[in-house]
Amino acid sequence: MKKAVCLISGGLDSYVAATIAKHNGYSIFALTLRYGQKNNREISCAKKISAKLQAEEHLILDIDLSWVDSALTNKKIQIANTYPLSEIPATYVPARNTIFISLAIAFAETIDAEEIYLGINSVDFSGYPDCKPEYIKKFQSLLNVATKKTCEGRHIKLNAPLINLSKSEIIKEGDKLKVDFSITWSCYRNNEKPCGICPSCILREKGFKEANIKDLAIKNK
């Protein structure tokens, strides 16, 4: 069976992207990064998602980005409920996707996987520069010359199937594929329940409302 490395964060985007990979006939090899994020509930959600996907392997790696200039990792920087639309928000984690994709490439080359599936999307991307189609295109060009596998004439493709979809469109796609959204976590904060007021919670609520699909209560612990 064809192999795909799927970056699983615990959120709904990466879950839908990985489900698309499975629907496309790939055997799933999940990769999750514990990178010093304040919210560690997404790790337990990633484990549940990996189990739902019947992943052949779920690799969870520890890297420390707690020191970078980001509200998601640095304890000195608070997570605000709103950010100016004209600015890259403080929840941007410097080089996060670049690091994550690099590790996914190493995983893919190690297990001889053909594709890497990412939950990145550029429509509701909160101004993050590493969620743009141009970023994926440039990274693919680098990948094509950066590994033994690609230099030998074989391929590893970066696949971002949600790149041009809005949150509501992603939710509709997931619903069509019978994704269990109740096991996903979107909140930036590490509370008992989603805060409902951070930018990620608001975006999720808006997406479900526009998709006209009920978002089941999340009570993951």
N, C-alpha and C. Protein backbone atom coordinates (compact mmCIF):
# COMPACT_ATOMS: atom_id res chain seq x y z
N MET A 1 0.84 -1.20 0.00
CA MET A 1 0.00 0.00 0.00
C MET A 1 0.87 1.25 0.00
N LYS A 2 0.38 2.28 -0.68
CA LYS A 2 1.09 3.55 -0.71
C LYS A 2 1.17 4.15 0.69
N LYS A 3 2.26 4.86 0.97
CA LYS A 3 2.46 5.44 2.29
C LYS A 3 2.42 6.96 2.24
N ALA A 4 1.81 7.54 3.27
CA ALA A 4 1.79 9.00 3.40
C ALA A 4 2.09 9.38 4.84
N VAL A 5 2.99 10.34 5.01
CA VAL A 5 3.22 10.93 6.31
C VAL A 5 2.20 12.04 6.48
N CYS A 6 1.48 12.03 7.58
CA CYS A 6 0.46 13.05 7.84
C CYS A 6 0.80 13.79 9.12
N LEU A 7 1.01 15.08 9.01
CA LEU A 7 1.24 15.90 10.20
C LEU A 7 -0.09 16.07 10.93
N ILE A 8 -0.17 15.57 12.15
CA ILE A 8 -1.40 15.61 12.93
C ILE A 8 -1.19 16.50 14.15
N SER A 9 -1.91 17.61 14.19
CA SER A 9 -1.76 18.56 15.30
C SER A 9 -2.75 18.34 16.42
N GLY A 10 -3.85 17.67 16.11
CA GLY A 10 -4.95 17.55 17.06
C GLY A 10 -6.13 18.43 16.67
N GLY A 11 -5.92 19.31 15.68
CA GLY A 11 -6.98 20.18 15.19
C GLY A 11 -7.75 19.55 14.05
N LEU A 12 -8.81 20.22 13.64
CA LEU A 12 -9.67 19.63 12.61
C LEU A 12 -9.05 19.68 11.21
N ASP A 13 -8.24 20.70 10.92
CA ASP A 13 -7.65 20.79 9.58
C ASP A 13 -6.74 19.61 9.26
N SER A 14 -5.83 19.31 10.17
CA SER A 14 -4.90 18.21 9.92
C SER A 14 -5.63 16.87 9.89
N TYR A 15 -6.70 16.75 10.66
CA TYR A 15 -7.51 15.52 10.66
C TYR A 15 -8.19 15.33 9.31
N VAL A 16 -8.77 16.39 8.78
CA VAL A 16 -9.43 16.30 7.47
C VAL A 16 -8.41 15.98 6.39
N ALA A 17 -7.26 16.64 6.42
CA ALA A 17 -6.22 16.39 5.42
C ALA A 17 -5.76 14.93 5.45
N ALA A 18 -5.56 14.39 6.66
CA ALA A 18 -5.12 13.01 6.80
C ALA A 18 -6.22 12.04 6.36
N THR A 19 -7.47 12.40 6.61
CA THR A 19 -8.59 11.56 6.17
C THR A 19 -8.66 11.53 4.64
N ILE A 20 -8.35 12.63 4.01
CA ILE A 20 -8.29 12.67 2.55
C ILE A 20 -7.20 11.73 2.05
N ALA A 21 -6.05 11.74 2.73
CA ALA A 21 -4.97 10.82 2.37
C ALA A 21 -5.42 9.37 2.45
N LYS A 22 -6.12 9.04 3.52
CA LYS A 22 -6.62 7.67 3.70
C LYS A 22 -7.64 7.34 2.62
N HIS A 23 -8.51 8.29 2.32
CA HIS A 23 -9.52 8.11 1.27
C HIS A 23 -8.85 7.90 -0.09
N ASN A 24 -7.69 8.49 -0.27
CA ASN A 24 -6.95 8.35 -1.53
C ASN A 24 -6.12 7.07 -1.59
N GLY A 25 -6.28 6.21 -0.59
CA GLY A 25 -5.64 4.90 -0.63
C GLY A 25 -4.28 4.81 0.03
N TYR A 26 -3.92 5.82 0.83
CA TYR A 26 -2.62 5.79 1.49
C TYR A 26 -2.70 5.15 2.87
N SER A 27 -1.66 4.44 3.21
CA SER A 27 -1.46 3.95 4.56
C SER A 27 -0.88 5.11 5.36
N ILE A 28 -1.48 5.39 6.52
CA ILE A 28 -1.15 6.61 7.26
C ILE A 28 -0.03 6.39 8.27
N PHE A 29 0.96 7.27 8.21
CA PHE A 29 2.03 7.33 9.20
C PHE A 29 1.96 8.74 9.81
N ALA A 30 1.44 8.80 11.03
CA ALA A 30 1.17 10.09 11.66
C ALA A 30 2.41 10.66 12.34
N LEU A 31 2.52 11.98 12.28
CA LEU A 31 3.63 12.68 12.94
C LEU A 31 3.06 13.86 13.72
N THR A 32 3.35 13.89 15.01
CA THR A 32 2.90 14.98 15.89
C THR A 32 4.10 15.56 16.61
N LEU A 33 4.11 16.88 16.74
CA LEU A 33 5.22 17.57 17.40
C LEU A 33 4.76 18.18 18.72
N ARG A 34 5.44 17.81 19.77
CA ARG A 34 5.27 18.47 21.08
C ARG A 34 6.39 19.51 21.15
N TYR A 35 6.05 20.77 20.86
CA TYR A 35 7.08 21.77 20.63
C TYR A 35 7.15 22.86 21.70
N GLY A 36 6.53 22.60 22.84
CA GLY A 36 6.55 23.58 23.91
C GLY A 36 5.32 24.47 23.90
N GLN A 37 4.29 24.07 23.16
CA GLN A 37 3.07 24.85 23.12
C GLN A 37 2.38 24.86 24.48
N LYS A 38 1.80 26.01 24.82
CA LYS A 38 1.10 26.14 26.10
C LYS A 38 -0.06 25.16 26.17
N ASN A 39 -0.71 24.96 25.06
CA ASN A 39 -1.85 24.06 25.00
C ASN A 39 -1.36 22.65 24.67
N ASN A 40 -1.39 21.75 25.66
CA ASN A 40 -0.95 20.38 25.40
C ASN A 40 -2.11 19.42 25.20
N ARG A 41 -3.35 19.93 25.21
CA ARG A 41 -4.51 19.07 24.99
C ARG A 41 -4.53 18.54 23.56
N GLU A 42 -3.95 19.31 22.65
CA GLU A 42 -3.97 18.87 21.27
C GLU A 42 -3.16 17.59 21.07
N ILE A 43 -2.21 17.31 21.95
CA ILE A 43 -1.44 16.07 21.83
C ILE A 43 -2.33 14.85 22.08
N SER A 44 -3.15 14.91 23.12
CA SER A 44 -4.06 13.80 23.40
C SER A 44 -5.08 13.66 22.29
N CYS A 45 -5.49 14.78 21.70
CA CYS A 45 -6.42 14.72 20.56
C CYS A 45 -5.73 14.09 19.34
N ALA A 46 -4.47 14.42 19.14
CA ALA A 46 -3.72 13.85 18.02
C ALA A 46 -3.63 12.33 18.15
N LYS A 47 -3.48 11.85 19.38
CA LYS A 47 -3.44 10.40 19.61
C LYS A 47 -4.77 9.75 19.24
N LYS A 48 -5.87 10.41 19.60
CA LYS A 48 -7.19 9.88 19.27
C LYS A 48 -7.42 9.88 17.76
N ILE A 49 -6.97 10.95 17.11
CA ILE A 49 -7.12 11.05 15.66
C ILE A 49 -6.32 9.96 14.96
N SER A 50 -5.09 9.76 15.42
CA SER A 50 -4.24 8.71 14.84
C SER A 50 -4.90 7.34 14.97
N ALA A 51 -5.52 7.10 16.13
CA ALA A 51 -6.21 5.82 16.34
C ALA A 51 -7.41 5.68 15.41
N LYS A 52 -8.17 6.77 15.25
CA LYS A 52 -9.32 6.76 14.35
C LYS A 52 -8.90 6.46 12.91
N LEU A 53 -7.75 6.99 12.54
CA LEU A 53 -7.24 6.81 11.18
C LEU A 53 -6.60 5.44 10.98
N GLN A 54 -6.46 4.70 12.08
CA GLN A 54 -5.79 3.40 12.05
C GLN A 54 -4.39 3.53 11.45
N ALA A 55 -3.67 4.52 11.96
CA ALA A 55 -2.32 4.78 11.46
C ALA A 55 -1.40 3.60 11.71
N GLU A 56 -0.54 3.33 10.76
CA GLU A 56 0.44 2.27 10.91
C GLU A 56 1.43 2.60 12.03
N GLU A 57 1.69 3.89 12.19
CA GLU A 57 2.63 4.36 13.22
C GLU A 57 2.26 5.79 13.57
N HIS A 58 2.42 6.15 14.84
CA HIS A 58 2.22 7.53 15.25
C HIS A 58 3.48 7.98 15.99
N LEU A 59 4.26 8.78 15.31
CA LEU A 59 5.52 9.27 15.85
C LEU A 59 5.28 10.62 16.51
N ILE A 60 5.58 10.71 17.80
CA ILE A 60 5.44 11.97 18.53
C ILE A 60 6.83 12.43 18.95
N LEU A 61 7.25 13.57 18.43
CA LEU A 61 8.60 14.08 18.67
C LEU A 61 8.57 15.30 19.58
N ASP A 62 9.58 15.43 20.41
CA ASP A 62 9.73 16.58 21.29
C ASP A 62 10.79 17.53 20.74
N ILE A 63 10.38 18.76 20.51
CA ILE A 63 11.33 19.82 20.18
C ILE A 63 10.95 21.03 21.04
N ASP A 64 11.91 21.88 21.34
CA ASP A 64 11.64 22.99 22.25
C ASP A 64 11.62 24.32 21.51
N LEU A 65 10.41 24.85 21.33
CA LEU A 65 10.26 26.18 20.75
C LEU A 65 9.65 27.14 21.78
N SER A 66 9.78 26.78 23.06
CA SER A 66 9.19 27.62 24.10
C SER A 66 9.88 28.97 24.22
N TRP A 67 11.06 29.09 23.64
CA TRP A 67 11.85 30.31 23.75
C TRP A 67 11.58 31.31 22.62
N VAL A 68 10.85 30.90 21.58
CA VAL A 68 10.68 31.79 20.43
C VAL A 68 9.63 32.87 20.72
N ASP A 69 9.59 33.87 19.87
CA ASP A 69 8.70 35.02 20.04
C ASP A 69 7.30 34.67 19.55
N SER A 70 6.55 33.93 20.37
CA SER A 70 5.20 33.53 20.00
C SER A 70 4.32 33.41 21.24
N ALA A 71 3.08 33.87 21.12
CA ALA A 71 2.14 33.76 22.23
C ALA A 71 1.73 32.31 22.50
N LEU A 72 1.93 31.43 21.52
CA LEU A 72 1.56 30.02 21.70
C LEU A 72 2.58 29.24 22.52
N THR A 73 3.80 29.78 22.64
CA THR A 73 4.85 29.04 23.35
C THR A 73 5.48 29.82 24.49
N ASN A 74 5.69 31.09 24.30
CA ASN A 74 6.41 31.90 25.27
C ASN A 74 5.48 32.35 26.40
N LYS A 75 5.78 31.94 27.62
CA LYS A 75 4.93 32.25 28.77
C LYS A 75 4.88 33.74 29.09
N LYS A 76 5.83 34.48 28.57
CA LYS A 76 5.85 35.93 28.81
C LYS A 76 4.89 36.69 27.90
N ILE A 77 4.38 36.01 26.87
CA ILE A 77 3.50 36.66 25.90
C ILE A 77 2.09 36.10 26.05
N GLN A 78 1.14 36.95 26.34
CA GLN A 78 -0.23 36.51 26.53
C GLN A 78 -0.94 36.31 25.18
N ILE A 79 -1.89 35.38 25.17
CA ILE A 79 -2.72 35.17 23.98
C ILE A 79 -3.88 36.15 24.04
N ALA A 80 -3.94 37.03 23.06
CA ALA A 80 -5.02 38.01 22.99
C ALA A 80 -6.24 37.41 22.30
N ASN A 81 -7.37 38.04 22.49
CA ASN A 81 -8.60 37.55 21.85
C ASN A 81 -8.78 38.13 20.45
N THR A 82 -8.11 39.22 20.16
CA THR A 82 -8.18 39.82 18.83
C THR A 82 -6.80 40.32 18.42
N TYR A 83 -6.56 40.33 17.12
CA TYR A 83 -5.32 40.86 16.57
C TYR A 83 -5.66 41.71 15.34
N PRO A 84 -4.91 42.78 15.09
CA PRO A 84 -5.16 43.60 13.90
C PRO A 84 -5.02 42.77 12.63
N LEU A 85 -5.98 42.90 11.73
CA LEU A 85 -5.97 42.10 10.50
C LEU A 85 -4.78 42.44 9.61
N SER A 86 -4.22 43.62 9.79
CA SER A 86 -3.10 44.07 8.95
C SER A 86 -1.76 43.55 9.42
N GLU A 87 -1.73 42.87 10.58
CA GLU A 87 -0.47 42.40 11.15
C GLU A 87 -0.45 40.88 11.28
N ILE A 88 0.76 40.31 11.23
CA ILE A 88 0.91 38.90 11.54
C ILE A 88 0.72 38.75 13.05
N PRO A 89 -0.23 37.94 13.50
CA PRO A 89 -0.56 37.89 14.93
C PRO A 89 0.54 37.28 15.78
N ALA A 90 0.47 37.56 17.08
CA ALA A 90 1.47 37.06 18.02
C ALA A 90 1.41 35.56 18.20
N THR A 91 0.37 34.92 17.67
CA THR A 91 0.27 33.45 17.73
C THR A 91 1.09 32.77 16.64
N TYR A 92 1.66 33.55 15.74
CA TYR A 92 2.59 32.99 14.75
C TYR A 92 3.81 32.44 15.48
N VAL A 93 4.19 31.21 15.14
CA VAL A 93 5.37 30.58 15.73
C VAL A 93 6.50 30.59 14.70
N PRO A 94 7.56 31.35 14.92
CA PRO A 94 8.64 31.46 13.94
C PRO A 94 9.16 30.10 13.48
N ALA A 95 9.12 29.90 12.17
CA ALA A 95 9.70 28.72 11.50
C ALA A 95 9.00 27.41 11.86
N ARG A 96 7.85 27.46 12.52
CA ARG A 96 7.21 26.22 12.96
C ARG A 96 6.92 25.28 11.80
N ASN A 97 6.23 25.76 10.77
CA ASN A 97 5.90 24.86 9.67
C ASN A 97 7.14 24.39 8.92
N THR A 98 8.14 25.24 8.85
CA THR A 98 9.40 24.86 8.19
C THR A 98 10.06 23.71 8.94
N ILE A 99 10.07 23.80 10.26
CA ILE A 99 10.64 22.73 11.09
C ILE A 99 9.80 21.47 10.99
N PHE A 100 8.48 21.63 11.09
CA PHE A 100 7.58 20.47 11.04
C PHE A 100 7.70 19.72 9.72
N ILE A 101 7.68 20.47 8.62
CA ILE A 101 7.76 19.83 7.31
C ILE A 101 9.11 19.16 7.11
N SER A 102 10.17 19.78 7.62
CA SER A 102 11.51 19.17 7.51
C SER A 102 11.56 17.82 8.22
N LEU A 103 10.95 17.75 9.40
CA LEU A 103 10.91 16.48 10.13
C LEU A 103 10.02 15.47 9.40
N ALA A 104 8.94 15.96 8.80
CA ALA A 104 8.07 15.07 8.02
C ALA A 104 8.80 14.51 6.82
N ILE A 105 9.66 15.31 6.21
CA ILE A 105 10.46 14.85 5.08
C ILE A 105 11.41 13.74 5.53
N ALA A 106 12.05 13.93 6.67
CA ALA A 106 12.95 12.91 7.20
C ALA A 106 12.20 11.60 7.47
N PHE A 107 11.00 11.72 8.02
CA PHE A 107 10.15 10.56 8.29
C PHE A 107 9.76 9.88 6.98
N ALA A 108 9.35 10.69 6.01
CA ALA A 108 8.91 10.15 4.72
C ALA A 108 10.04 9.42 4.00
N GLU A 109 11.23 9.99 4.03
CA GLU A 109 12.35 9.34 3.35
C GLU A 109 12.74 8.06 4.08
N THR A 110 12.62 8.05 5.39
CA THR A 110 12.98 6.88 6.18
C THR A 110 12.07 5.70 5.91
N ILE A 111 10.77 5.97 5.75
CA ILE A 111 9.81 4.87 5.54
C ILE A 111 9.45 4.71 4.06
N ASP A 112 10.10 5.50 3.20
CA ASP A 112 9.85 5.46 1.76
C ASP A 112 8.41 5.82 1.42
N ALA A 113 7.94 6.92 2.00
CA ALA A 113 6.59 7.42 1.72
C ALA A 113 6.60 8.30 0.47
N GLU A 114 5.48 8.26 -0.25
CA GLU A 114 5.38 9.02 -1.49
C GLU A 114 4.89 10.45 -1.28
N GLU A 115 4.10 10.66 -0.23
CA GLU A 115 3.51 11.99 -0.03
C GLU A 115 3.52 12.39 1.44
N ILE A 116 3.45 13.71 1.65
CA ILE A 116 3.29 14.28 2.98
C ILE A 116 2.04 15.14 2.94
N TYR A 117 1.08 14.82 3.79
CA TYR A 117 -0.18 15.57 3.82
C TYR A 117 -0.15 16.59 4.95
N LEU A 118 -0.54 17.83 4.60
CA LEU A 118 -0.52 18.95 5.53
C LEU A 118 -1.90 19.58 5.62
N GLY A 119 -2.27 20.04 6.80
CA GLY A 119 -3.57 20.69 6.98
C GLY A 119 -3.54 22.18 6.76
N ILE A 120 -2.50 22.69 6.14
CA ILE A 120 -2.35 24.13 5.91
C ILE A 120 -3.45 24.64 4.98
N ASN A 121 -3.99 25.83 5.29
CA ASN A 121 -4.89 26.50 4.33
C ASN A 121 -4.63 27.99 4.35
N SER A 122 -4.81 28.62 3.20
CA SER A 122 -4.42 30.02 3.03
C SER A 122 -5.59 30.99 3.08
N VAL A 123 -6.81 30.49 3.19
CA VAL A 123 -7.97 31.38 3.21
C VAL A 123 -8.21 31.93 4.60
N ASP A 124 -8.36 31.03 5.57
CA ASP A 124 -8.54 31.43 6.97
C ASP A 124 -7.24 31.16 7.73
N PHE A 125 -6.14 31.77 7.29
CA PHE A 125 -4.83 31.39 7.82
C PHE A 125 -4.27 32.39 8.83
N SER A 126 -5.08 33.38 9.23
CA SER A 126 -4.70 34.31 10.30
C SER A 126 -3.46 35.13 9.99
N GLY A 127 -3.11 35.24 8.73
CA GLY A 127 -1.96 36.06 8.37
C GLY A 127 -0.62 35.38 8.49
N TYR A 128 -0.60 34.07 8.70
CA TYR A 128 0.66 33.35 8.85
C TYR A 128 1.37 33.23 7.49
N PRO A 129 2.62 33.65 7.39
CA PRO A 129 3.32 33.59 6.10
C PRO A 129 3.63 32.18 5.63
N ASP A 130 3.68 31.21 6.57
CA ASP A 130 4.02 29.84 6.18
C ASP A 130 2.78 28.98 5.96
N CYS A 131 1.68 29.64 5.58
CA CYS A 131 0.45 28.93 5.22
C CYS A 131 -0.02 29.32 3.82
N LYS A 132 0.86 29.88 3.03
CA LYS A 132 0.51 30.36 1.70
C LYS A 132 0.87 29.33 0.62
N PRO A 133 0.12 29.30 -0.48
CA PRO A 133 0.47 28.40 -1.59
C PRO A 133 1.91 28.58 -2.07
N GLU A 134 2.37 29.84 -2.07
CA GLU A 134 3.74 30.12 -2.52
C GLU A 134 4.76 29.42 -1.62
N TYR A 135 4.47 29.38 -0.33
CA TYR A 135 5.37 28.72 0.63
C TYR A 135 5.48 27.23 0.31
N ILE A 136 4.35 26.57 0.09
CA ILE A 136 4.35 25.14 -0.24
C ILE A 136 5.09 24.90 -1.55
N LYS A 137 4.85 25.75 -2.53
CA LYS A 137 5.50 25.60 -3.84
C LYS A 137 7.02 25.72 -3.71
N LYS A 138 7.47 26.70 -2.95
CA LYS A 138 8.91 26.91 -2.75
C LYS A 138 9.53 25.74 -1.99
N PHE A 139 8.81 25.24 -0.98
CA PHE A 139 9.32 24.13 -0.18
C PHE A 139 9.41 22.86 -1.03
N GLN A 140 8.44 22.69 -1.92
CA GLN A 140 8.49 21.52 -2.82
C GLN A 140 9.72 21.59 -3.71
N SER A 141 10.04 22.78 -4.19
CA SER A 141 11.23 22.95 -5.03
C SER A 141 12.49 22.58 -4.27
N LEU A 142 12.55 22.98 -2.99
CA LEU A 142 13.69 22.61 -2.14
C LEU A 142 13.74 21.11 -1.94
N LEU A 143 12.59 20.53 -1.63
CA LEU A 143 12.51 19.09 -1.39
C LEU A 143 12.98 18.30 -2.60
N ASN A 144 12.69 18.79 -3.77
CA ASN A 144 13.05 18.07 -5.00
C ASN A 144 14.55 17.91 -5.18
N VAL A 145 15.34 18.73 -4.50
CA VAL A 145 16.79 18.65 -4.65
C VAL A 145 17.49 18.36 -3.33
N ALA A 146 16.72 18.10 -2.27
CA ALA A 146 17.31 18.05 -0.93
C ALA A 146 17.40 16.66 -0.31
N THR A 147 16.87 15.63 -0.96
CA THR A 147 16.89 14.30 -0.36
C THR A 147 17.50 13.27 -1.31
N LYS A 148 17.99 12.21 -0.73
CA LYS A 148 18.53 11.11 -1.53
C LYS A 148 17.47 10.56 -2.47
N LYS A 149 16.26 10.41 -1.94
CA LYS A 149 15.17 9.82 -2.73
C LYS A 149 14.86 10.65 -3.97
N THR A 150 14.73 11.97 -3.79
CA THR A 150 14.38 12.81 -4.92
C THR A 150 15.55 12.96 -5.90
N CYS A 151 16.76 12.92 -5.38
CA CYS A 151 17.93 13.01 -6.25
C CYS A 151 18.11 11.74 -7.08
N GLU A 152 17.54 10.65 -6.62
CA GLU A 152 17.59 9.38 -7.36
C GLU A 152 16.45 9.24 -8.35
N GLY A 153 15.67 10.30 -8.51
CA GLY A 153 14.62 10.31 -9.51
C GLY A 153 13.24 9.91 -9.00
N ARG A 154 13.14 9.60 -7.72
CA ARG A 154 11.83 9.30 -7.14
C ARG A 154 11.24 10.58 -6.55
N HIS A 155 10.08 10.50 -5.95
CA HIS A 155 9.45 11.73 -5.50
C HIS A 155 8.89 11.63 -4.09
N ILE A 156 8.84 12.77 -3.43
CA ILE A 156 8.10 12.97 -2.19
C ILE A 156 7.30 14.24 -2.42
N LYS A 157 6.00 14.13 -2.44
CA LYS A 157 5.14 15.27 -2.75
C LYS A 157 4.54 15.88 -1.49
N LEU A 158 4.64 17.21 -1.39
CA LEU A 158 3.93 17.92 -0.34
C LEU A 158 2.50 18.15 -0.81
N ASN A 159 1.55 17.61 -0.09
CA ASN A 159 0.15 17.70 -0.49
C ASN A 159 -0.62 18.49 0.57
N ALA A 160 -1.11 19.65 0.19
CA ALA A 160 -1.91 20.50 1.09
C ALA A 160 -3.30 20.63 0.49
N PRO A 161 -4.14 19.60 0.65
CA PRO A 161 -5.43 19.57 -0.04
C PRO A 161 -6.43 20.63 0.39
N LEU A 162 -6.15 21.30 1.52
CA LEU A 162 -7.08 22.31 2.04
C LEU A 162 -6.60 23.72 1.77
N ILE A 163 -5.53 23.86 1.03
CA ILE A 163 -4.82 25.13 0.90
C ILE A 163 -5.73 26.28 0.44
N ASN A 164 -6.71 25.98 -0.42
CA ASN A 164 -7.56 27.04 -0.95
C ASN A 164 -8.99 26.98 -0.42
N LEU A 165 -9.19 26.28 0.69
CA LEU A 165 -10.53 26.15 1.26
C LEU A 165 -10.71 27.03 2.48
N SER A 166 -11.92 27.52 2.66
CA SER A 166 -12.26 28.25 3.88
C SER A 166 -12.52 27.25 4.99
N LYS A 167 -12.67 27.73 6.22
CA LYS A 167 -12.93 26.82 7.33
C LYS A 167 -14.25 26.07 7.13
N SER A 168 -15.27 26.75 6.66
CA SER A 168 -16.55 26.08 6.44
C SER A 168 -16.45 25.02 5.36
N GLU A 169 -15.66 25.28 4.32
CA GLU A 169 -15.47 24.29 3.25
C GLU A 169 -14.70 23.07 3.76
N ILE A 170 -13.74 23.33 4.64
CA ILE A 170 -12.98 22.22 5.24
C ILE A 170 -13.91 21.36 6.09
N ILE A 171 -14.76 22.00 6.86
CA ILE A 171 -15.70 21.27 7.71
C ILE A 171 -16.68 20.46 6.87
N LYS A 172 -17.16 21.03 5.79
CA LYS A 172 -18.06 20.30 4.89
C LYS A 172 -17.37 19.08 4.29
N GLU A 173 -16.10 19.26 3.90
CA GLU A 173 -15.34 18.14 3.33
C GLU A 173 -15.15 17.05 4.38
N GLY A 174 -14.83 17.46 5.60
CA GLY A 174 -14.67 16.49 6.68
C GLY A 174 -15.96 15.76 6.99
N ASP A 175 -17.06 16.50 6.98
CA ASP A 175 -18.37 15.89 7.25
C ASP A 175 -18.70 14.85 6.18
N LYS A 176 -18.38 15.16 4.94
CA LYS A 176 -18.62 14.23 3.84
C LYS A 176 -17.80 12.94 4.02
N LEU A 177 -16.61 13.08 4.60
CA LEU A 177 -15.73 11.93 4.83
C LEU A 177 -15.96 11.31 6.21
N LYS A 178 -17.00 11.80 6.91
CA LYS A 178 -17.40 11.26 8.22
C LYS A 178 -16.29 11.41 9.27
N VAL A 179 -15.63 12.57 9.24
CA VAL A 179 -14.63 12.90 10.26
C VAL A 179 -15.34 13.15 11.60
N ASP A 180 -14.79 12.61 12.66
CA ASP A 180 -15.34 12.81 14.00
C ASP A 180 -14.73 14.08 14.60
N PHE A 181 -15.37 15.22 14.37
CA PHE A 181 -14.83 16.49 14.82
C PHE A 181 -14.82 16.61 16.35
N SER A 182 -15.58 15.77 17.04
CA SER A 182 -15.67 15.88 18.49
C SER A 182 -14.36 15.57 19.19
N ILE A 183 -13.43 14.90 18.51
CA ILE A 183 -12.16 14.56 19.15
C ILE A 183 -11.06 15.56 18.81
N THR A 184 -11.41 16.63 18.12
CA THR A 184 -10.41 17.64 17.75
C THR A 184 -10.41 18.79 18.74
N TRP A 185 -9.32 19.51 18.78
CA TRP A 185 -9.16 20.65 19.68
C TRP A 185 -8.60 21.82 18.89
N SER A 186 -9.27 22.97 18.96
CA SER A 186 -8.84 24.16 18.22
C SER A 186 -8.38 25.30 19.10
N CYS A 187 -8.80 25.31 20.35
CA CYS A 187 -8.53 26.44 21.25
C CYS A 187 -7.04 26.66 21.48
N TYR A 188 -6.63 27.93 21.50
CA TYR A 188 -5.24 28.26 21.78
C TYR A 188 -4.88 28.05 23.25
N ARG A 189 -5.90 28.06 24.10
CA ARG A 189 -5.66 27.99 25.54
C ARG A 189 -5.78 26.55 26.05
N ASN A 190 -5.23 26.33 27.23
CA ASN A 190 -5.16 24.98 27.80
C ASN A 190 -6.17 24.81 28.93
N ASN A 191 -7.40 25.25 28.68
CA ASN A 191 -8.44 25.16 29.69
C ASN A 191 -9.10 23.78 29.68
N GLU A 192 -10.01 23.59 30.63
CA GLU A 192 -10.76 22.34 30.69
C GLU A 192 -11.65 22.19 29.45
N LYS A 193 -12.19 23.33 29.00
CA LYS A 193 -13.02 23.37 27.80
C LYS A 193 -12.51 24.50 26.90
N PRO A 194 -12.83 24.49 25.62
CA PRO A 194 -12.43 25.59 24.74
C PRO A 194 -12.92 26.94 25.29
N CYS A 195 -12.07 27.96 25.20
CA CYS A 195 -12.42 29.26 25.79
C CYS A 195 -13.56 29.93 25.03
N GLY A 196 -13.66 29.67 23.73
CA GLY A 196 -14.74 30.25 22.93
C GLY A 196 -14.50 31.67 22.47
N ILE A 197 -13.39 32.28 22.90
CA ILE A 197 -13.17 33.69 22.57
C ILE A 197 -11.82 33.98 21.90
N CYS A 198 -10.94 33.00 21.86
CA CYS A 198 -9.66 33.22 21.17
C CYS A 198 -9.91 33.17 19.65
N PRO A 199 -8.99 33.71 18.85
CA PRO A 199 -9.21 33.73 17.40
C PRO A 199 -9.49 32.36 16.79
N SER A 200 -8.84 31.32 17.29
CA SER A 200 -9.05 29.98 16.74
C SER A 200 -10.43 29.45 17.08
N CYS A 201 -10.89 29.68 18.29
CA CYS A 201 -12.24 29.26 18.69
C CYS A 201 -13.30 29.99 17.86
N ILE A 202 -13.10 31.29 17.67
CA ILE A 202 -14.05 32.10 16.91
C ILE A 202 -14.11 31.62 15.45
N LEU A 203 -12.94 31.33 14.88
CA LEU A 203 -12.87 30.85 13.50
C LEU A 203 -13.57 29.51 13.36
N ARG A 204 -13.39 28.64 14.34
CA ARG A 204 -14.04 27.33 14.32
C ARG A 204 -15.57 27.49 14.40
N GLU A 205 -16.02 28.32 15.34
CA GLU A 205 -17.46 28.53 15.50
C GLU A 205 -18.08 29.09 14.22
N LYS A 206 -17.40 30.05 13.63
CA LYS A 206 -17.86 30.66 12.38
C LYS A 206 -17.92 29.62 11.26
N GLY A 207 -16.92 28.76 11.20
CA GLY A 207 -16.87 27.74 10.15
C GLY A 207 -18.03 26.75 10.24
N PHE A 208 -18.30 26.28 11.45
CA PHE A 208 -19.41 25.34 11.64
C PHE A 208 -20.75 26.00 11.35
N LYS A 209 -20.87 27.26 11.75
CA LYS A 209 -22.12 27.98 11.51
C LYS A 209 -22.37 28.15 10.03
N GLU A 210 -21.33 28.55 9.29
CA GLU A 210 -21.47 28.75 7.84
C GLU A 210 -21.68 27.43 7.11
N ALA A 211 -21.14 26.35 7.65
CA ALA A 211 -21.32 25.03 7.04
C ALA A 211 -22.67 24.42 7.41
N ASN A 212 -23.35 25.05 8.37
CA ASN A 212 -24.64 24.56 8.86
C ASN A 212 -24.52 23.13 9.41
N ILE A 213 -23.43 22.93 10.16
CA ILE A 213 -23.16 21.62 10.78
C ILE A 213 -22.93 21.86 12.27
N LYS A 214 -23.51 21.02 13.09
CA LYS A 214 -23.38 21.17 14.54
C LYS A 214 -22.00 20.73 14.99
N ASP A 215 -21.36 21.56 15.81
CA ASP A 215 -20.06 21.23 16.38
C ASP A 215 -20.32 20.61 17.76
N LEU A 216 -20.05 19.32 17.87
CA LEU A 216 -20.28 18.63 19.14
C LEU A 216 -19.37 19.20 20.22
N ALA A 217 -19.85 19.26 21.44
CA ALA A 217 -19.08 19.80 22.56
C ALA A 217 -17.79 19.01 22.74
N ILE A 218 -16.73 19.72 22.98
CA ILE A 218 -15.43 19.08 23.17
C ILE A 218 -15.14 19.04 24.66
N LYS A 219 -14.97 17.86 25.20
CA LYS A 219 -14.70 17.73 26.63
C LYS A 219 -13.48 16.83 26.86
N ASN A 220 -12.54 16.93 25.91
CA ASN A 220 -11.33 16.12 26.05
C ASN A 220 -10.54 16.56 27.27
N LYS A 221 -9.99 15.60 27.99
CA LYS A 221 -9.18 15.91 29.17
C LYS A 221 -7.78 15.34 29.01
